[in-house]
Amino acid sequence: MAQNASDILMDILHEWGVEVIFGLPGDGINGMMEALRKRQDKIRFIQVRHEEAAAFMACAYAKHTGKLGCCIATSGPGALHLLNGLYDAKLDQQPRWR
């Protein structure tokens, strides 16, 4: 079976050590959600109720585990709502690569 961009992205995230992705599914990321579904034994997906929660959860995950925190949202307002949590991680310089 041929791989598409979503499959390649999820494989790369797994190679980088991503174990958990926090997010909210949407029409703009259906391909990535399918790629995640096929790799649910490698990367866990935790669905949240709001995109900001996904970003803050990824930030907290990075702070407390030292691993790479990852979040996903659909385009437009969904992606914009990720900014608060991502900026929090940036200000705290998380995760710090060892």
PDB file of N, CA and C in Angstrom:
ATOM      1  N   MET A   1       0.835  -1.184   0.000  1.00  0.00           N
ATOM      2  CA  MET A   1       0.000   0.000   0.000  1.00  0.00           C
ATOM      3  C   MET A   1       0.879   1.246   0.000  1.00  0.00           C
ATOM      4  N   ALA A   2       0.575   2.189  -0.841  1.00  0.00           N
ATOM      5  CA  ALA A   2       1.350   3.420  -0.944  1.00  0.00           C
ATOM      6  C   ALA A   2       1.105   4.310   0.274  1.00  0.00           C
ATOM      7  N   GLN A   3       2.155   5.001   0.679  1.00  0.00           N
ATOM      8  CA  GLN A   3       2.033   5.921   1.801  1.00  0.00           C
ATOM      9  C   GLN A   3       1.705   7.320   1.297  1.00  0.00           C
ATOM     10  N   ASN A   4       0.898   8.037   2.063  1.00  0.00           N
ATOM     11  CA  ASN A   4       0.647   9.431   1.736  1.00  0.00           C
ATOM     12  C   ASN A   4       1.392  10.310   2.742  1.00  0.00           C
ATOM     13  N   ALA A   5       1.248  11.618   2.620  1.00  0.00           N
ATOM     14  CA  ALA A   5       1.982  12.554   3.475  1.00  0.00           C
ATOM     15  C   ALA A   5       1.658  12.359   4.953  1.00  0.00           C
ATOM     16  N   SER A   6       0.407  12.049   5.274  1.00  0.00           N
ATOM     17  CA  SER A   6       0.014  11.837   6.669  1.00  0.00           C
ATOM     18  C   SER A   6       0.715  10.623   7.267  1.00  0.00           C
ATOM     19  N   ASP A   7       0.814   9.554   6.497  1.00  0.00           N
ATOM     20  CA  ASP A   7       1.519   8.358   6.973  1.00  0.00           C
ATOM     21  C   ASP A   7       2.987   8.666   7.237  1.00  0.00           C
ATOM     22  N   ILE A   8       3.596   9.388   6.329  1.00  0.00           N
ATOM     23  CA  ILE A   8       5.010   9.732   6.490  1.00  0.00           C
ATOM     24  C   ILE A   8       5.204  10.622   7.710  1.00  0.00           C
ATOM     25  N   LEU A   9       4.320  11.609   7.907  1.00  0.00           N
ATOM     26  CA  LEU A   9       4.403  12.493   9.065  1.00  0.00           C
ATOM     27  C   LEU A   9       4.308  11.712  10.368  1.00  0.00           C
ATOM     28  N   MET A  10       3.360  10.799  10.463  1.00  0.00           N
ATOM     29  CA  MET A  10       3.201  10.023  11.696  1.00  0.00           C
ATOM     30  C   MET A  10       4.400   9.100  11.934  1.00  0.00           C
ATOM     31  N   ASP A  11       4.964   8.553  10.877  1.00  0.00           N
ATOM     32  CA  ASP A  11       6.172   7.729  11.022  1.00  0.00           C
ATOM     33  C   ASP A  11       7.342   8.566  11.541  1.00  0.00           C
ATOM     34  N   ILE A  12       7.478   9.779  11.029  1.00  0.00           N
ATOM     35  CA  ILE A  12       8.553  10.663  11.489  1.00  0.00           C
ATOM     36  C   ILE A  12       8.339  11.044  12.946  1.00  0.00           C
ATOM     37  N   LEU A  13       7.094  11.378  13.321  1.00  0.00           N
ATOM     38  CA  LEU A  13       6.817  11.715  14.726  1.00  0.00           C
ATOM     39  C   LEU A  13       7.162  10.542  15.644  1.00  0.00           C
ATOM     40  N   HIS A  14       6.852   9.338  15.199  1.00  0.00           N
ATOM     41  CA  HIS A  14       7.193   8.152  15.997  1.00  0.00           C
ATOM     42  C   HIS A  14       8.708   7.994  16.119  1.00  0.00           C
ATOM     43  N   GLU A  15       9.430   8.228  15.041  1.00  0.00           N
ATOM     44  CA  GLU A  15      10.895   8.155  15.075  1.00  0.00           C
ATOM     45  C   GLU A  15      11.479   9.197  16.019  1.00  0.00           C
ATOM     46  N   TRP A  16      10.835  10.356  16.127  1.00  0.00           N
ATOM     47  CA  TRP A  16      11.294  11.425  17.027  1.00  0.00           C
ATOM     48  C   TRP A  16      10.952  11.124  18.484  1.00  0.00           C
ATOM     49  N   GLY A  17      10.216  10.072  18.737  1.00  0.00           N
ATOM     50  CA  GLY A  17       9.893   9.690  20.105  1.00  0.00           C
ATOM     51  C   GLY A  17       8.547  10.168  20.604  1.00  0.00           C
ATOM     52  N   VAL A  18       7.700  10.657  19.717  1.00  0.00           N
ATOM     53  CA  VAL A  18       6.364  11.082  20.137  1.00  0.00           C
ATOM     54  C   VAL A  18       5.548   9.842  20.480  1.00  0.00           C
ATOM     55  N   GLU A  19       5.027   9.822  21.702  1.00  0.00           N
ATOM     56  CA  GLU A  19       4.215   8.698  22.159  1.00  0.00           C
ATOM     57  C   GLU A  19       2.750   9.067  22.304  1.00  0.00           C
ATOM     58  N   VAL A  20       2.472  10.362  22.490  1.00  0.00           N
ATOM     59  CA  VAL A  20       1.115  10.835  22.731  1.00  0.00           C
ATOM     60  C   VAL A  20       0.874  12.098  21.917  1.00  0.00           C
ATOM     61  N   ILE A  21      -0.299  12.186  21.295  1.00  0.00           N
ATOM     62  CA  ILE A  21      -0.722  13.401  20.616  1.00  0.00           C
ATOM     63  C   ILE A  21      -2.063  13.815  21.199  1.00  0.00           C
ATOM     64  N   PHE A  22      -2.142  15.071  21.630  1.00  0.00           N
ATOM     65  CA  PHE A  22      -3.370  15.628  22.169  1.00  0.00           C
ATOM     66  C   PHE A  22      -4.040  16.439  21.070  1.00  0.00           C
ATOM     67  N   GLY A  23      -5.350  16.330  20.931  1.00  0.00           N
ATOM     68  CA  GLY A  23      -5.977  17.117  19.885  1.00  0.00           C
ATOM     69  C   GLY A  23      -7.464  16.928  19.759  1.00  0.00           C
ATOM     70  N   LEU A  24      -7.967  17.590  18.746  1.00  0.00           N
ATOM     71  CA  LEU A  24      -9.386  17.586  18.436  1.00  0.00           C
ATOM     72  C   LEU A  24      -9.526  17.315  16.943  1.00  0.00           C
ATOM     73  N   PRO A  25     -10.202  16.228  16.557  1.00  0.00           N
ATOM     74  CA  PRO A  25     -10.343  15.914  15.137  1.00  0.00           C
ATOM     75  C   PRO A  25     -11.188  16.958  14.416  1.00  0.00           C
ATOM     76  N   GLY A  26     -10.952  17.077  13.138  1.00  0.00           N
ATOM     77  CA  GLY A  26     -11.735  17.971  12.297  1.00  0.00           C
ATOM     78  C   GLY A  26     -11.560  17.594  10.838  1.00  0.00           C
ATOM     79  N   ASP A  27     -12.406  18.144   9.983  1.00  0.00           N
ATOM     80  CA  ASP A  27     -12.379  17.773   8.571  1.00  0.00           C
ATOM     81  C   ASP A  27     -11.036  18.029   7.903  1.00  0.00           C
ATOM     82  N   GLY A  28     -10.340  19.076   8.311  1.00  0.00           N
ATOM     83  CA  GLY A  28      -9.080  19.424   7.669  1.00  0.00           C
ATOM     84  C   GLY A  28      -7.946  18.466   7.963  1.00  0.00           C
ATOM     85  N   ILE A  29      -8.095  17.607   8.971  1.00  0.00           N
ATOM     86  CA  ILE A  29      -7.014  16.688   9.346  1.00  0.00           C
ATOM     87  C   ILE A  29      -7.470  15.227   9.336  1.00  0.00           C
ATOM     88  N   ASN A  30      -8.486  14.918   8.548  1.00  0.00           N
ATOM     89  CA  ASN A  30      -8.973  13.539   8.483  1.00  0.00           C
ATOM     90  C   ASN A  30      -7.883  12.560   8.064  1.00  0.00           C
ATOM     91  N   GLY A  31      -7.022  12.971   7.148  1.00  0.00           N
ATOM     92  CA  GLY A  31      -5.928  12.093   6.709  1.00  0.00           C
ATOM     93  C   GLY A  31      -4.978  11.776   7.848  1.00  0.00           C
ATOM     94  N   MET A  32      -4.666  12.776   8.659  1.00  0.00           N
ATOM     95  CA  MET A  32      -3.766  12.551   9.794  1.00  0.00           C
ATOM     96  C   MET A  32      -4.438  11.694  10.863  1.00  0.00           C
ATOM     97  N   MET A  33      -5.728  11.882  11.048  1.00  0.00           N
ATOM     98  CA  MET A  33      -6.445  11.065  12.027  1.00  0.00           C
ATOM     99  C   MET A  33      -6.452   9.595  11.594  1.00  0.00           C
ATOM    100  N   GLU A  34      -6.593   9.348  10.303  1.00  0.00           N
ATOM    101  CA  GLU A  34      -6.547   7.973   9.801  1.00  0.00           C
ATOM    102  C   GLU A  34      -5.153   7.384   9.972  1.00  0.00           C
ATOM    103  N   ALA A  35      -4.123   8.189   9.707  1.00  0.00           N
ATOM    104  CA  ALA A  35      -2.753   7.719   9.911  1.00  0.00           C
ATOM    105  C   ALA A  35      -2.506   7.411  11.386  1.00  0.00           C
ATOM    106  N   LEU A  36      -3.059   8.216  12.272  1.00  0.00           N
ATOM    107  CA  LEU A  36      -2.944   7.950  13.714  1.00  0.00           C
ATOM    108  C   LEU A  36      -3.686   6.668  14.091  1.00  0.00           C
ATOM    109  N   ARG A  37      -4.879   6.479  13.513  1.00  0.00           N
ATOM    110  CA  ARG A  37      -5.663   5.271  13.810  1.00  0.00           C
ATOM    111  C   ARG A  37      -4.889   4.008  13.434  1.00  0.00           C
ATOM    112  N   LYS A  38      -4.193   4.064  12.296  1.00  0.00           N
ATOM    113  CA  LYS A  38      -3.417   2.902  11.849  1.00  0.00           C
ATOM    114  C   LYS A  38      -2.205   2.645  12.737  1.00  0.00           C
ATOM    115  N   ARG A  39      -1.771   3.653  13.493  1.00  0.00           N
ATOM    116  CA  ARG A  39      -0.592   3.529  14.356  1.00  0.00           C
ATOM    117  C   ARG A  39      -0.948   3.646  15.833  1.00  0.00           C
ATOM    118  N   GLN A  40      -2.166   3.295  16.185  1.00  0.00           N
ATOM    119  CA  GLN A  40      -2.601   3.477  17.561  1.00  0.00           C
ATOM    120  C   GLN A  40      -1.834   2.612  18.559  1.00  0.00           C
ATOM    121  N   ASP A  41      -1.119   1.614  18.082  1.00  0.00           N
ATOM    122  CA  ASP A  41      -0.264   0.825  18.971  1.00  0.00           C
ATOM    123  C   ASP A  41       1.071   1.520  19.241  1.00  0.00           C
ATOM    124  N   LYS A  42       1.413   2.533  18.429  1.00  0.00           N
ATOM    125  CA  LYS A  42       2.678   3.250  18.582  1.00  0.00           C
ATOM    126  C   LYS A  42       2.486   4.652  19.165  1.00  0.00           C
ATOM    127  N   ILE A  43       1.448   5.348  18.711  1.00  0.00           N
ATOM    128  CA  ILE A  43       1.177   6.717  19.156  1.00  0.00           C
ATOM    129  C   ILE A  43      -0.256   6.786  19.677  1.00  0.00           C
ATOM    130  N   ARG A  44      -0.389   7.211  20.916  1.00  0.00           N
ATOM    131  CA  ARG A  44      -1.709   7.360  21.530  1.00  0.00           C
ATOM    132  C   ARG A  44      -2.306   8.709  21.157  1.00  0.00           C
ATOM    133  N   PHE A  45      -3.594   8.734  20.864  1.00  0.00           N
ATOM    134  CA  PHE A  45      -4.297   9.985  20.599  1.00  0.00           C
ATOM    135  C   PHE A  45      -5.254  10.244  21.750  1.00  0.00           C
ATOM    136  N   ILE A  46      -5.140  11.415  22.360  1.00  0.00           N
ATOM    137  CA  ILE A  46      -6.039  11.796  23.442  1.00  0.00           C
ATOM    138  C   ILE A  46      -6.888  12.958  22.940  1.00  0.00           C
ATOM    139  N   GLN A  47      -8.191  12.699  22.828  1.00  0.00           N
ATOM    140  CA  GLN A  47      -9.105  13.721  22.330  1.00  0.00           C
ATOM    141  C   GLN A  47      -9.493  14.663  23.467  1.00  0.00           C
ATOM    142  N   VAL A  48      -9.484  15.945  23.160  1.00  0.00           N
ATOM    143  CA  VAL A  48      -9.847  16.966  24.140  1.00  0.00           C
ATOM    144  C   VAL A  48     -11.118  17.671  23.670  1.00  0.00           C
ATOM    145  N   ARG A  49     -11.631  18.553  24.511  1.00  0.00           N
ATOM    146  CA  ARG A  49     -12.845  19.282  24.147  1.00  0.00           C
ATOM    147  C   ARG A  49     -12.551  20.615  23.479  1.00  0.00           C
ATOM    148  N   HIS A  50     -11.331  21.092  23.625  1.00  0.00           N
ATOM    149  CA  HIS A  50     -10.985  22.383  23.039  1.00  0.00           C
ATOM    150  C   HIS A  50      -9.510  22.367  22.647  1.00  0.00           C
ATOM    151  N   GLU A  51      -9.174  23.045  21.574  1.00  0.00           N
ATOM    152  CA  GLU A  51      -7.805  23.049  21.074  1.00  0.00           C
ATOM    153  C   GLU A  51      -6.816  23.625  22.081  1.00  0.00           C
ATOM    154  N   GLU A  52      -7.226  24.652  22.825  1.00  0.00           N
ATOM    155  CA  GLU A  52      -6.317  25.229  23.816  1.00  0.00           C
ATOM    156  C   GLU A  52      -5.936  24.190  24.863  1.00  0.00           C
ATOM    157  N   ALA A  53      -6.888  23.344  25.231  1.00  0.00           N
ATOM    158  CA  ALA A  53      -6.592  22.282  26.187  1.00  0.00           C
ATOM    159  C   ALA A  53      -5.546  21.325  25.624  1.00  0.00           C
ATOM    160  N   ALA A  54      -5.626  21.035  24.329  1.00  0.00           N
ATOM    161  CA  ALA A  54      -4.645  20.144  23.700  1.00  0.00           C
ATOM    162  C   ALA A  54      -3.241  20.726  23.806  1.00  0.00           C
ATOM    163  N   ALA A  55      -3.114  22.015  23.516  1.00  0.00           N
ATOM    164  CA  ALA A  55      -1.795  22.648  23.560  1.00  0.00           C
ATOM    165  C   ALA A  55      -1.257  22.708  24.982  1.00  0.00           C
ATOM    166  N   PHE A  56      -2.103  23.040  25.947  1.00  0.00           N
ATOM    167  CA  PHE A  56      -1.644  23.082  27.333  1.00  0.00           C
ATOM    168  C   PHE A  56      -1.319  21.682  27.859  1.00  0.00           C
ATOM    169  N   MET A  57      -2.061  20.681  27.418  1.00  0.00           N
ATOM    170  CA  MET A  57      -1.766  19.305  27.828  1.00  0.00           C
ATOM    171  C   MET A  57      -0.434  18.841  27.241  1.00  0.00           C
ATOM    172  N   ALA A  58      -0.175  19.186  25.985  1.00  0.00           N
ATOM    173  CA  ALA A  58       1.107  18.838  25.368  1.00  0.00           C
ATOM    174  C   ALA A  58       2.246  19.541  26.092  1.00  0.00           C
ATOM    175  N   CYS A  59       2.036  20.797  26.474  1.00  0.00           N
ATOM    176  CA  CYS A  59       3.044  21.561  27.211  1.00  0.00           C
ATOM    177  C   CYS A  59       3.309  20.920  28.567  1.00  0.00           C
ATOM    178  N   ALA A  60       2.248  20.587  29.291  1.00  0.00           N
ATOM    179  CA  ALA A  60       2.405  19.953  30.606  1.00  0.00           C
ATOM    180  C   ALA A  60       3.069  18.586  30.477  1.00  0.00           C
ATOM    181  N   TYR A  61       2.711  17.841  29.449  1.00  0.00           N
ATOM    182  CA  TYR A  61       3.327  16.537  29.195  1.00  0.00           C
ATOM    183  C   TYR A  61       4.834  16.688  29.003  1.00  0.00           C
ATOM    184  N   ALA A  62       5.226  17.683  28.222  1.00  0.00           N
ATOM    185  CA  ALA A  62       6.654  17.924  27.980  1.00  0.00           C
ATOM    186  C   ALA A  62       7.361  18.340  29.263  1.00  0.00           C
ATOM    187  N   LYS A  63       6.728  19.193  30.053  1.00  0.00           N
ATOM    188  CA  LYS A  63       7.347  19.666  31.298  1.00  0.00           C
ATOM    189  C   LYS A  63       7.534  18.539  32.308  1.00  0.00           C
ATOM    190  N   HIS A  64       6.564  17.644  32.393  1.00  0.00           N
ATOM    191  CA  HIS A  64       6.610  16.617  33.431  1.00  0.00           C
ATOM    192  C   HIS A  64       7.307  15.333  33.015  1.00  0.00           C
ATOM    193  N   THR A  65       7.404  15.075  31.723  1.00  0.00           N
ATOM    194  CA  THR A  65       8.065  13.845  31.285  1.00  0.00           C
ATOM    195  C   THR A  65       9.424  14.095  30.644  1.00  0.00           C
ATOM    196  N   GLY A  66       9.651  15.316  30.175  1.00  0.00           N
ATOM    197  CA  GLY A  66      10.887  15.614  29.460  1.00  0.00           C
ATOM    198  C   GLY A  66      10.865  15.120  28.028  1.00  0.00           C
ATOM    199  N   LYS A  67       9.727  14.568  27.605  1.00  0.00           N
ATOM    200  CA  LYS A  67       9.580  14.083  26.235  1.00  0.00           C
ATOM    201  C   LYS A  67       8.932  15.161  25.378  1.00  0.00           C
ATOM    202  N   LEU A  68       8.900  14.925  24.096  1.00  0.00           N
ATOM    203  CA  LEU A  68       8.312  15.865  23.160  1.00  0.00           C
ATOM    204  C   LEU A  68       6.798  15.853  23.289  1.00  0.00           C
ATOM    205  N   GLY A  69       6.213  17.028  23.567  1.00  0.00           N
ATOM    206  CA  GLY A  69       4.764  17.167  23.621  1.00  0.00           C
ATOM    207  C   GLY A  69       4.246  17.499  22.233  1.00  0.00           C
ATOM    208  N   CYS A  70       3.125  16.924  21.854  1.00  0.00           N
ATOM    209  CA  CYS A  70       2.610  17.105  20.505  1.00  0.00           C
ATOM    210  C   CYS A  70       1.103  17.334  20.560  1.00  0.00           C
ATOM    211  N   CYS A  71       0.630  18.301  19.784  1.00  0.00           N
ATOM    212  CA  CYS A  71      -0.802  18.562  19.714  1.00  0.00           C
ATOM    213  C   CYS A  71      -1.198  18.758  18.253  1.00  0.00           C
ATOM    214  N   ILE A  72      -2.482  18.557  17.991  1.00  0.00           N
ATOM    215  CA  ILE A  72      -2.976  18.643  16.623  1.00  0.00           C
ATOM    216  C   ILE A  72      -4.358  19.282  16.639  1.00  0.00           C
ATOM    217  N   ALA A  73      -4.635  20.081  15.618  1.00  0.00           N
ATOM    218  CA  ALA A  73      -5.947  20.700  15.451  1.00  0.00           C
ATOM    219  C   ALA A  73      -6.169  20.957  13.968  1.00  0.00           C
ATOM    220  N   THR A  74      -7.397  21.207  13.624  1.00  0.00           N
ATOM    221  CA  THR A  74      -7.718  21.506  12.244  1.00  0.00           C
ATOM    222  C   THR A  74      -7.313  22.938  11.898  1.00  0.00           C
ATOM    223  N   SER A  75      -7.375  23.273  10.647  1.00  0.00           N
ATOM    224  CA  SER A  75      -6.925  24.594  10.193  1.00  0.00           C
ATOM    225  C   SER A  75      -7.877  25.698  10.636  1.00  0.00           C
ATOM    226  N   GLY A  76      -7.430  26.924  10.457  1.00  0.00           N
ATOM    227  CA  GLY A  76      -8.252  28.085  10.790  1.00  0.00           C
ATOM    228  C   GLY A  76      -8.296  28.336  12.286  1.00  0.00           C
ATOM    229  N   PRO A  77      -9.488  28.530  12.836  1.00  0.00           N
ATOM    230  CA  PRO A  77      -9.598  28.843  14.265  1.00  0.00           C
ATOM    231  C   PRO A  77      -9.011  27.748  15.156  1.00  0.00           C
ATOM    232  N   GLY A  78      -9.111  26.498  14.729  1.00  0.00           N
ATOM    233  CA  GLY A  78      -8.558  25.409  15.532  1.00  0.00           C
ATOM    234  C   GLY A  78      -7.066  25.557  15.745  1.00  0.00           C
ATOM    235  N   ALA A  79      -6.350  25.867  14.683  1.00  0.00           N
ATOM    236  CA  ALA A  79      -4.905  26.051  14.781  1.00  0.00           C
ATOM    237  C   ALA A  79      -4.566  27.294  15.587  1.00  0.00           C
ATOM    238  N   LEU A  80      -5.352  28.321  15.438  1.00  0.00           N
ATOM    239  CA  LEU A  80      -5.118  29.562  16.181  1.00  0.00           C
ATOM    240  C   LEU A  80      -5.258  29.336  17.693  1.00  0.00           C
ATOM    241  N   HIS A  81      -6.167  28.470  18.080  1.00  0.00           N
ATOM    242  CA  HIS A  81      -6.391  28.203  19.504  1.00  0.00           C
ATOM    243  C   HIS A  81      -5.223  27.450  20.138  1.00  0.00           C
ATOM    244  N   LEU A  82      -4.353  26.871  19.338  1.00  0.00           N
ATOM    245  CA  LEU A  82      -3.182  26.179  19.883  1.00  0.00           C
ATOM    246  C   LEU A  82      -2.116  27.153  20.391  1.00  0.00           C
ATOM    247  N   LEU A  83      -2.180  28.395  19.959  1.00  0.00           N
ATOM    248  CA  LEU A  83      -1.089  29.334  20.217  1.00  0.00           C
ATOM    249  C   LEU A  83      -0.793  29.570  21.696  1.00  0.00           C
ATOM    250  N   ASN A  84      -1.808  29.681  22.549  1.00  0.00           N
ATOM    251  CA  ASN A  84      -1.549  29.958  23.965  1.00  0.00           C
ATOM    252  C   ASN A  84      -0.682  28.876  24.603  1.00  0.00           C
ATOM    253  N   GLY A  85      -1.033  27.626  24.400  1.00  0.00           N
ATOM    254  CA  GLY A  85      -0.256  26.538  24.982  1.00  0.00           C
ATOM    255  C   GLY A  85       1.124  26.418  24.370  1.00  0.00           C
ATOM    256  N   LEU A  86       1.225  26.636  23.073  1.00  0.00           N
ATOM    257  CA  LEU A  86       2.527  26.565  22.413  1.00  0.00           C
ATOM    258  C   LEU A  86       3.440  27.697  22.878  1.00  0.00           C
ATOM    259  N   TYR A  87       2.871  28.873  23.081  1.00  0.00           N
ATOM    260  CA  TYR A  87       3.673  29.994  23.558  1.00  0.00           C
ATOM    261  C   TYR A  87       4.118  29.755  24.999  1.00  0.00           C
ATOM    262  N   ASP A  88       3.257  29.128  25.804  1.00  0.00           N
ATOM    263  CA  ASP A  88       3.641  28.777  27.174  1.00  0.00           C
ATOM    264  C   ASP A  88       4.842  27.841  27.164  1.00  0.00           C
ATOM    265  N   ALA A  89       4.825  26.856  26.282  1.00  0.00           N
ATOM    266  CA  ALA A  89       5.952  25.931  26.170  1.00  0.00           C
ATOM    267  C   ALA A  89       7.210  26.661  25.708  1.00  0.00           C
ATOM    268  N   LYS A  90       7.046  27.596  24.777  1.00  0.00           N
ATOM    269  CA  LYS A  90       8.193  28.358  24.284  1.00  0.00           C
ATOM    270  C   LYS A  90       8.814  29.197  25.400  1.00  0.00           C
ATOM    271  N   LEU A  91       7.972  29.881  26.173  1.00  0.00           N
ATOM    272  CA  LEU A  91       8.495  30.720  27.251  1.00  0.00           C
ATOM    273  C   LEU A  91       9.223  29.909  28.313  1.00  0.00           C
ATOM    274  N   ASP A  92       8.727  28.700  28.577  1.00  0.00           N
ATOM    275  CA  ASP A  92       9.364  27.830  29.573  1.00  0.00           C
ATOM    276  C   ASP A  92      10.469  26.979  28.978  1.00  0.00           C
ATOM    277  N   GLN A  93      10.739  27.150  27.696  1.00  0.00           N
ATOM    278  CA  GLN A  93      11.758  26.396  26.972  1.00  0.00           C
ATOM    279  C   GLN A  93      11.573  24.888  27.143  1.00  0.00           C
ATOM    280  N   GLN A  94      10.373  24.412  26.878  1.00  0.00           N
ATOM    281  CA  GLN A  94      10.046  23.011  27.034  1.00  0.00           C
ATOM    282  C   GLN A  94       9.749  22.379  25.679  1.00  0.00           C
ATOM    283  N   PRO A  95      10.087  21.153  25.444  1.00  0.00           N
ATOM    284  CA  PRO A  95      10.937  20.344  26.305  1.00  0.00           C
ATOM    285  C   PRO A  95      12.401  20.721  26.104  1.00  0.00           C
ATOM    286  N   ARG A  96      13.164  20.547  27.112  1.00  0.00           N
ATOM    287  CA  ARG A  96      14.612  20.793  27.009  1.00  0.00           C
ATOM    288  C   ARG A  96      15.262  19.507  26.539  1.00  0.00           C
ATOM    289  N   TRP A  97      15.961  19.614  25.432  1.00  0.00           N
ATOM    290  CA  TRP A  97      16.605  18.420  24.878  1.00  0.00           C
ATOM    291  C   TRP A  97      17.827  18.088  25.699  1.00  0.00           C
ATOM    292  N   ARG A  98      17.930  16.835  26.062  1.00  0.00           N
ATOM    293  CA  ARG A  98      19.047  16.382  26.897  1.00  0.00           C
ATOM    294  C   ARG A  98      20.119  15.759  26.052  1.00  0.00           C
TER     295      ARG A  98
END
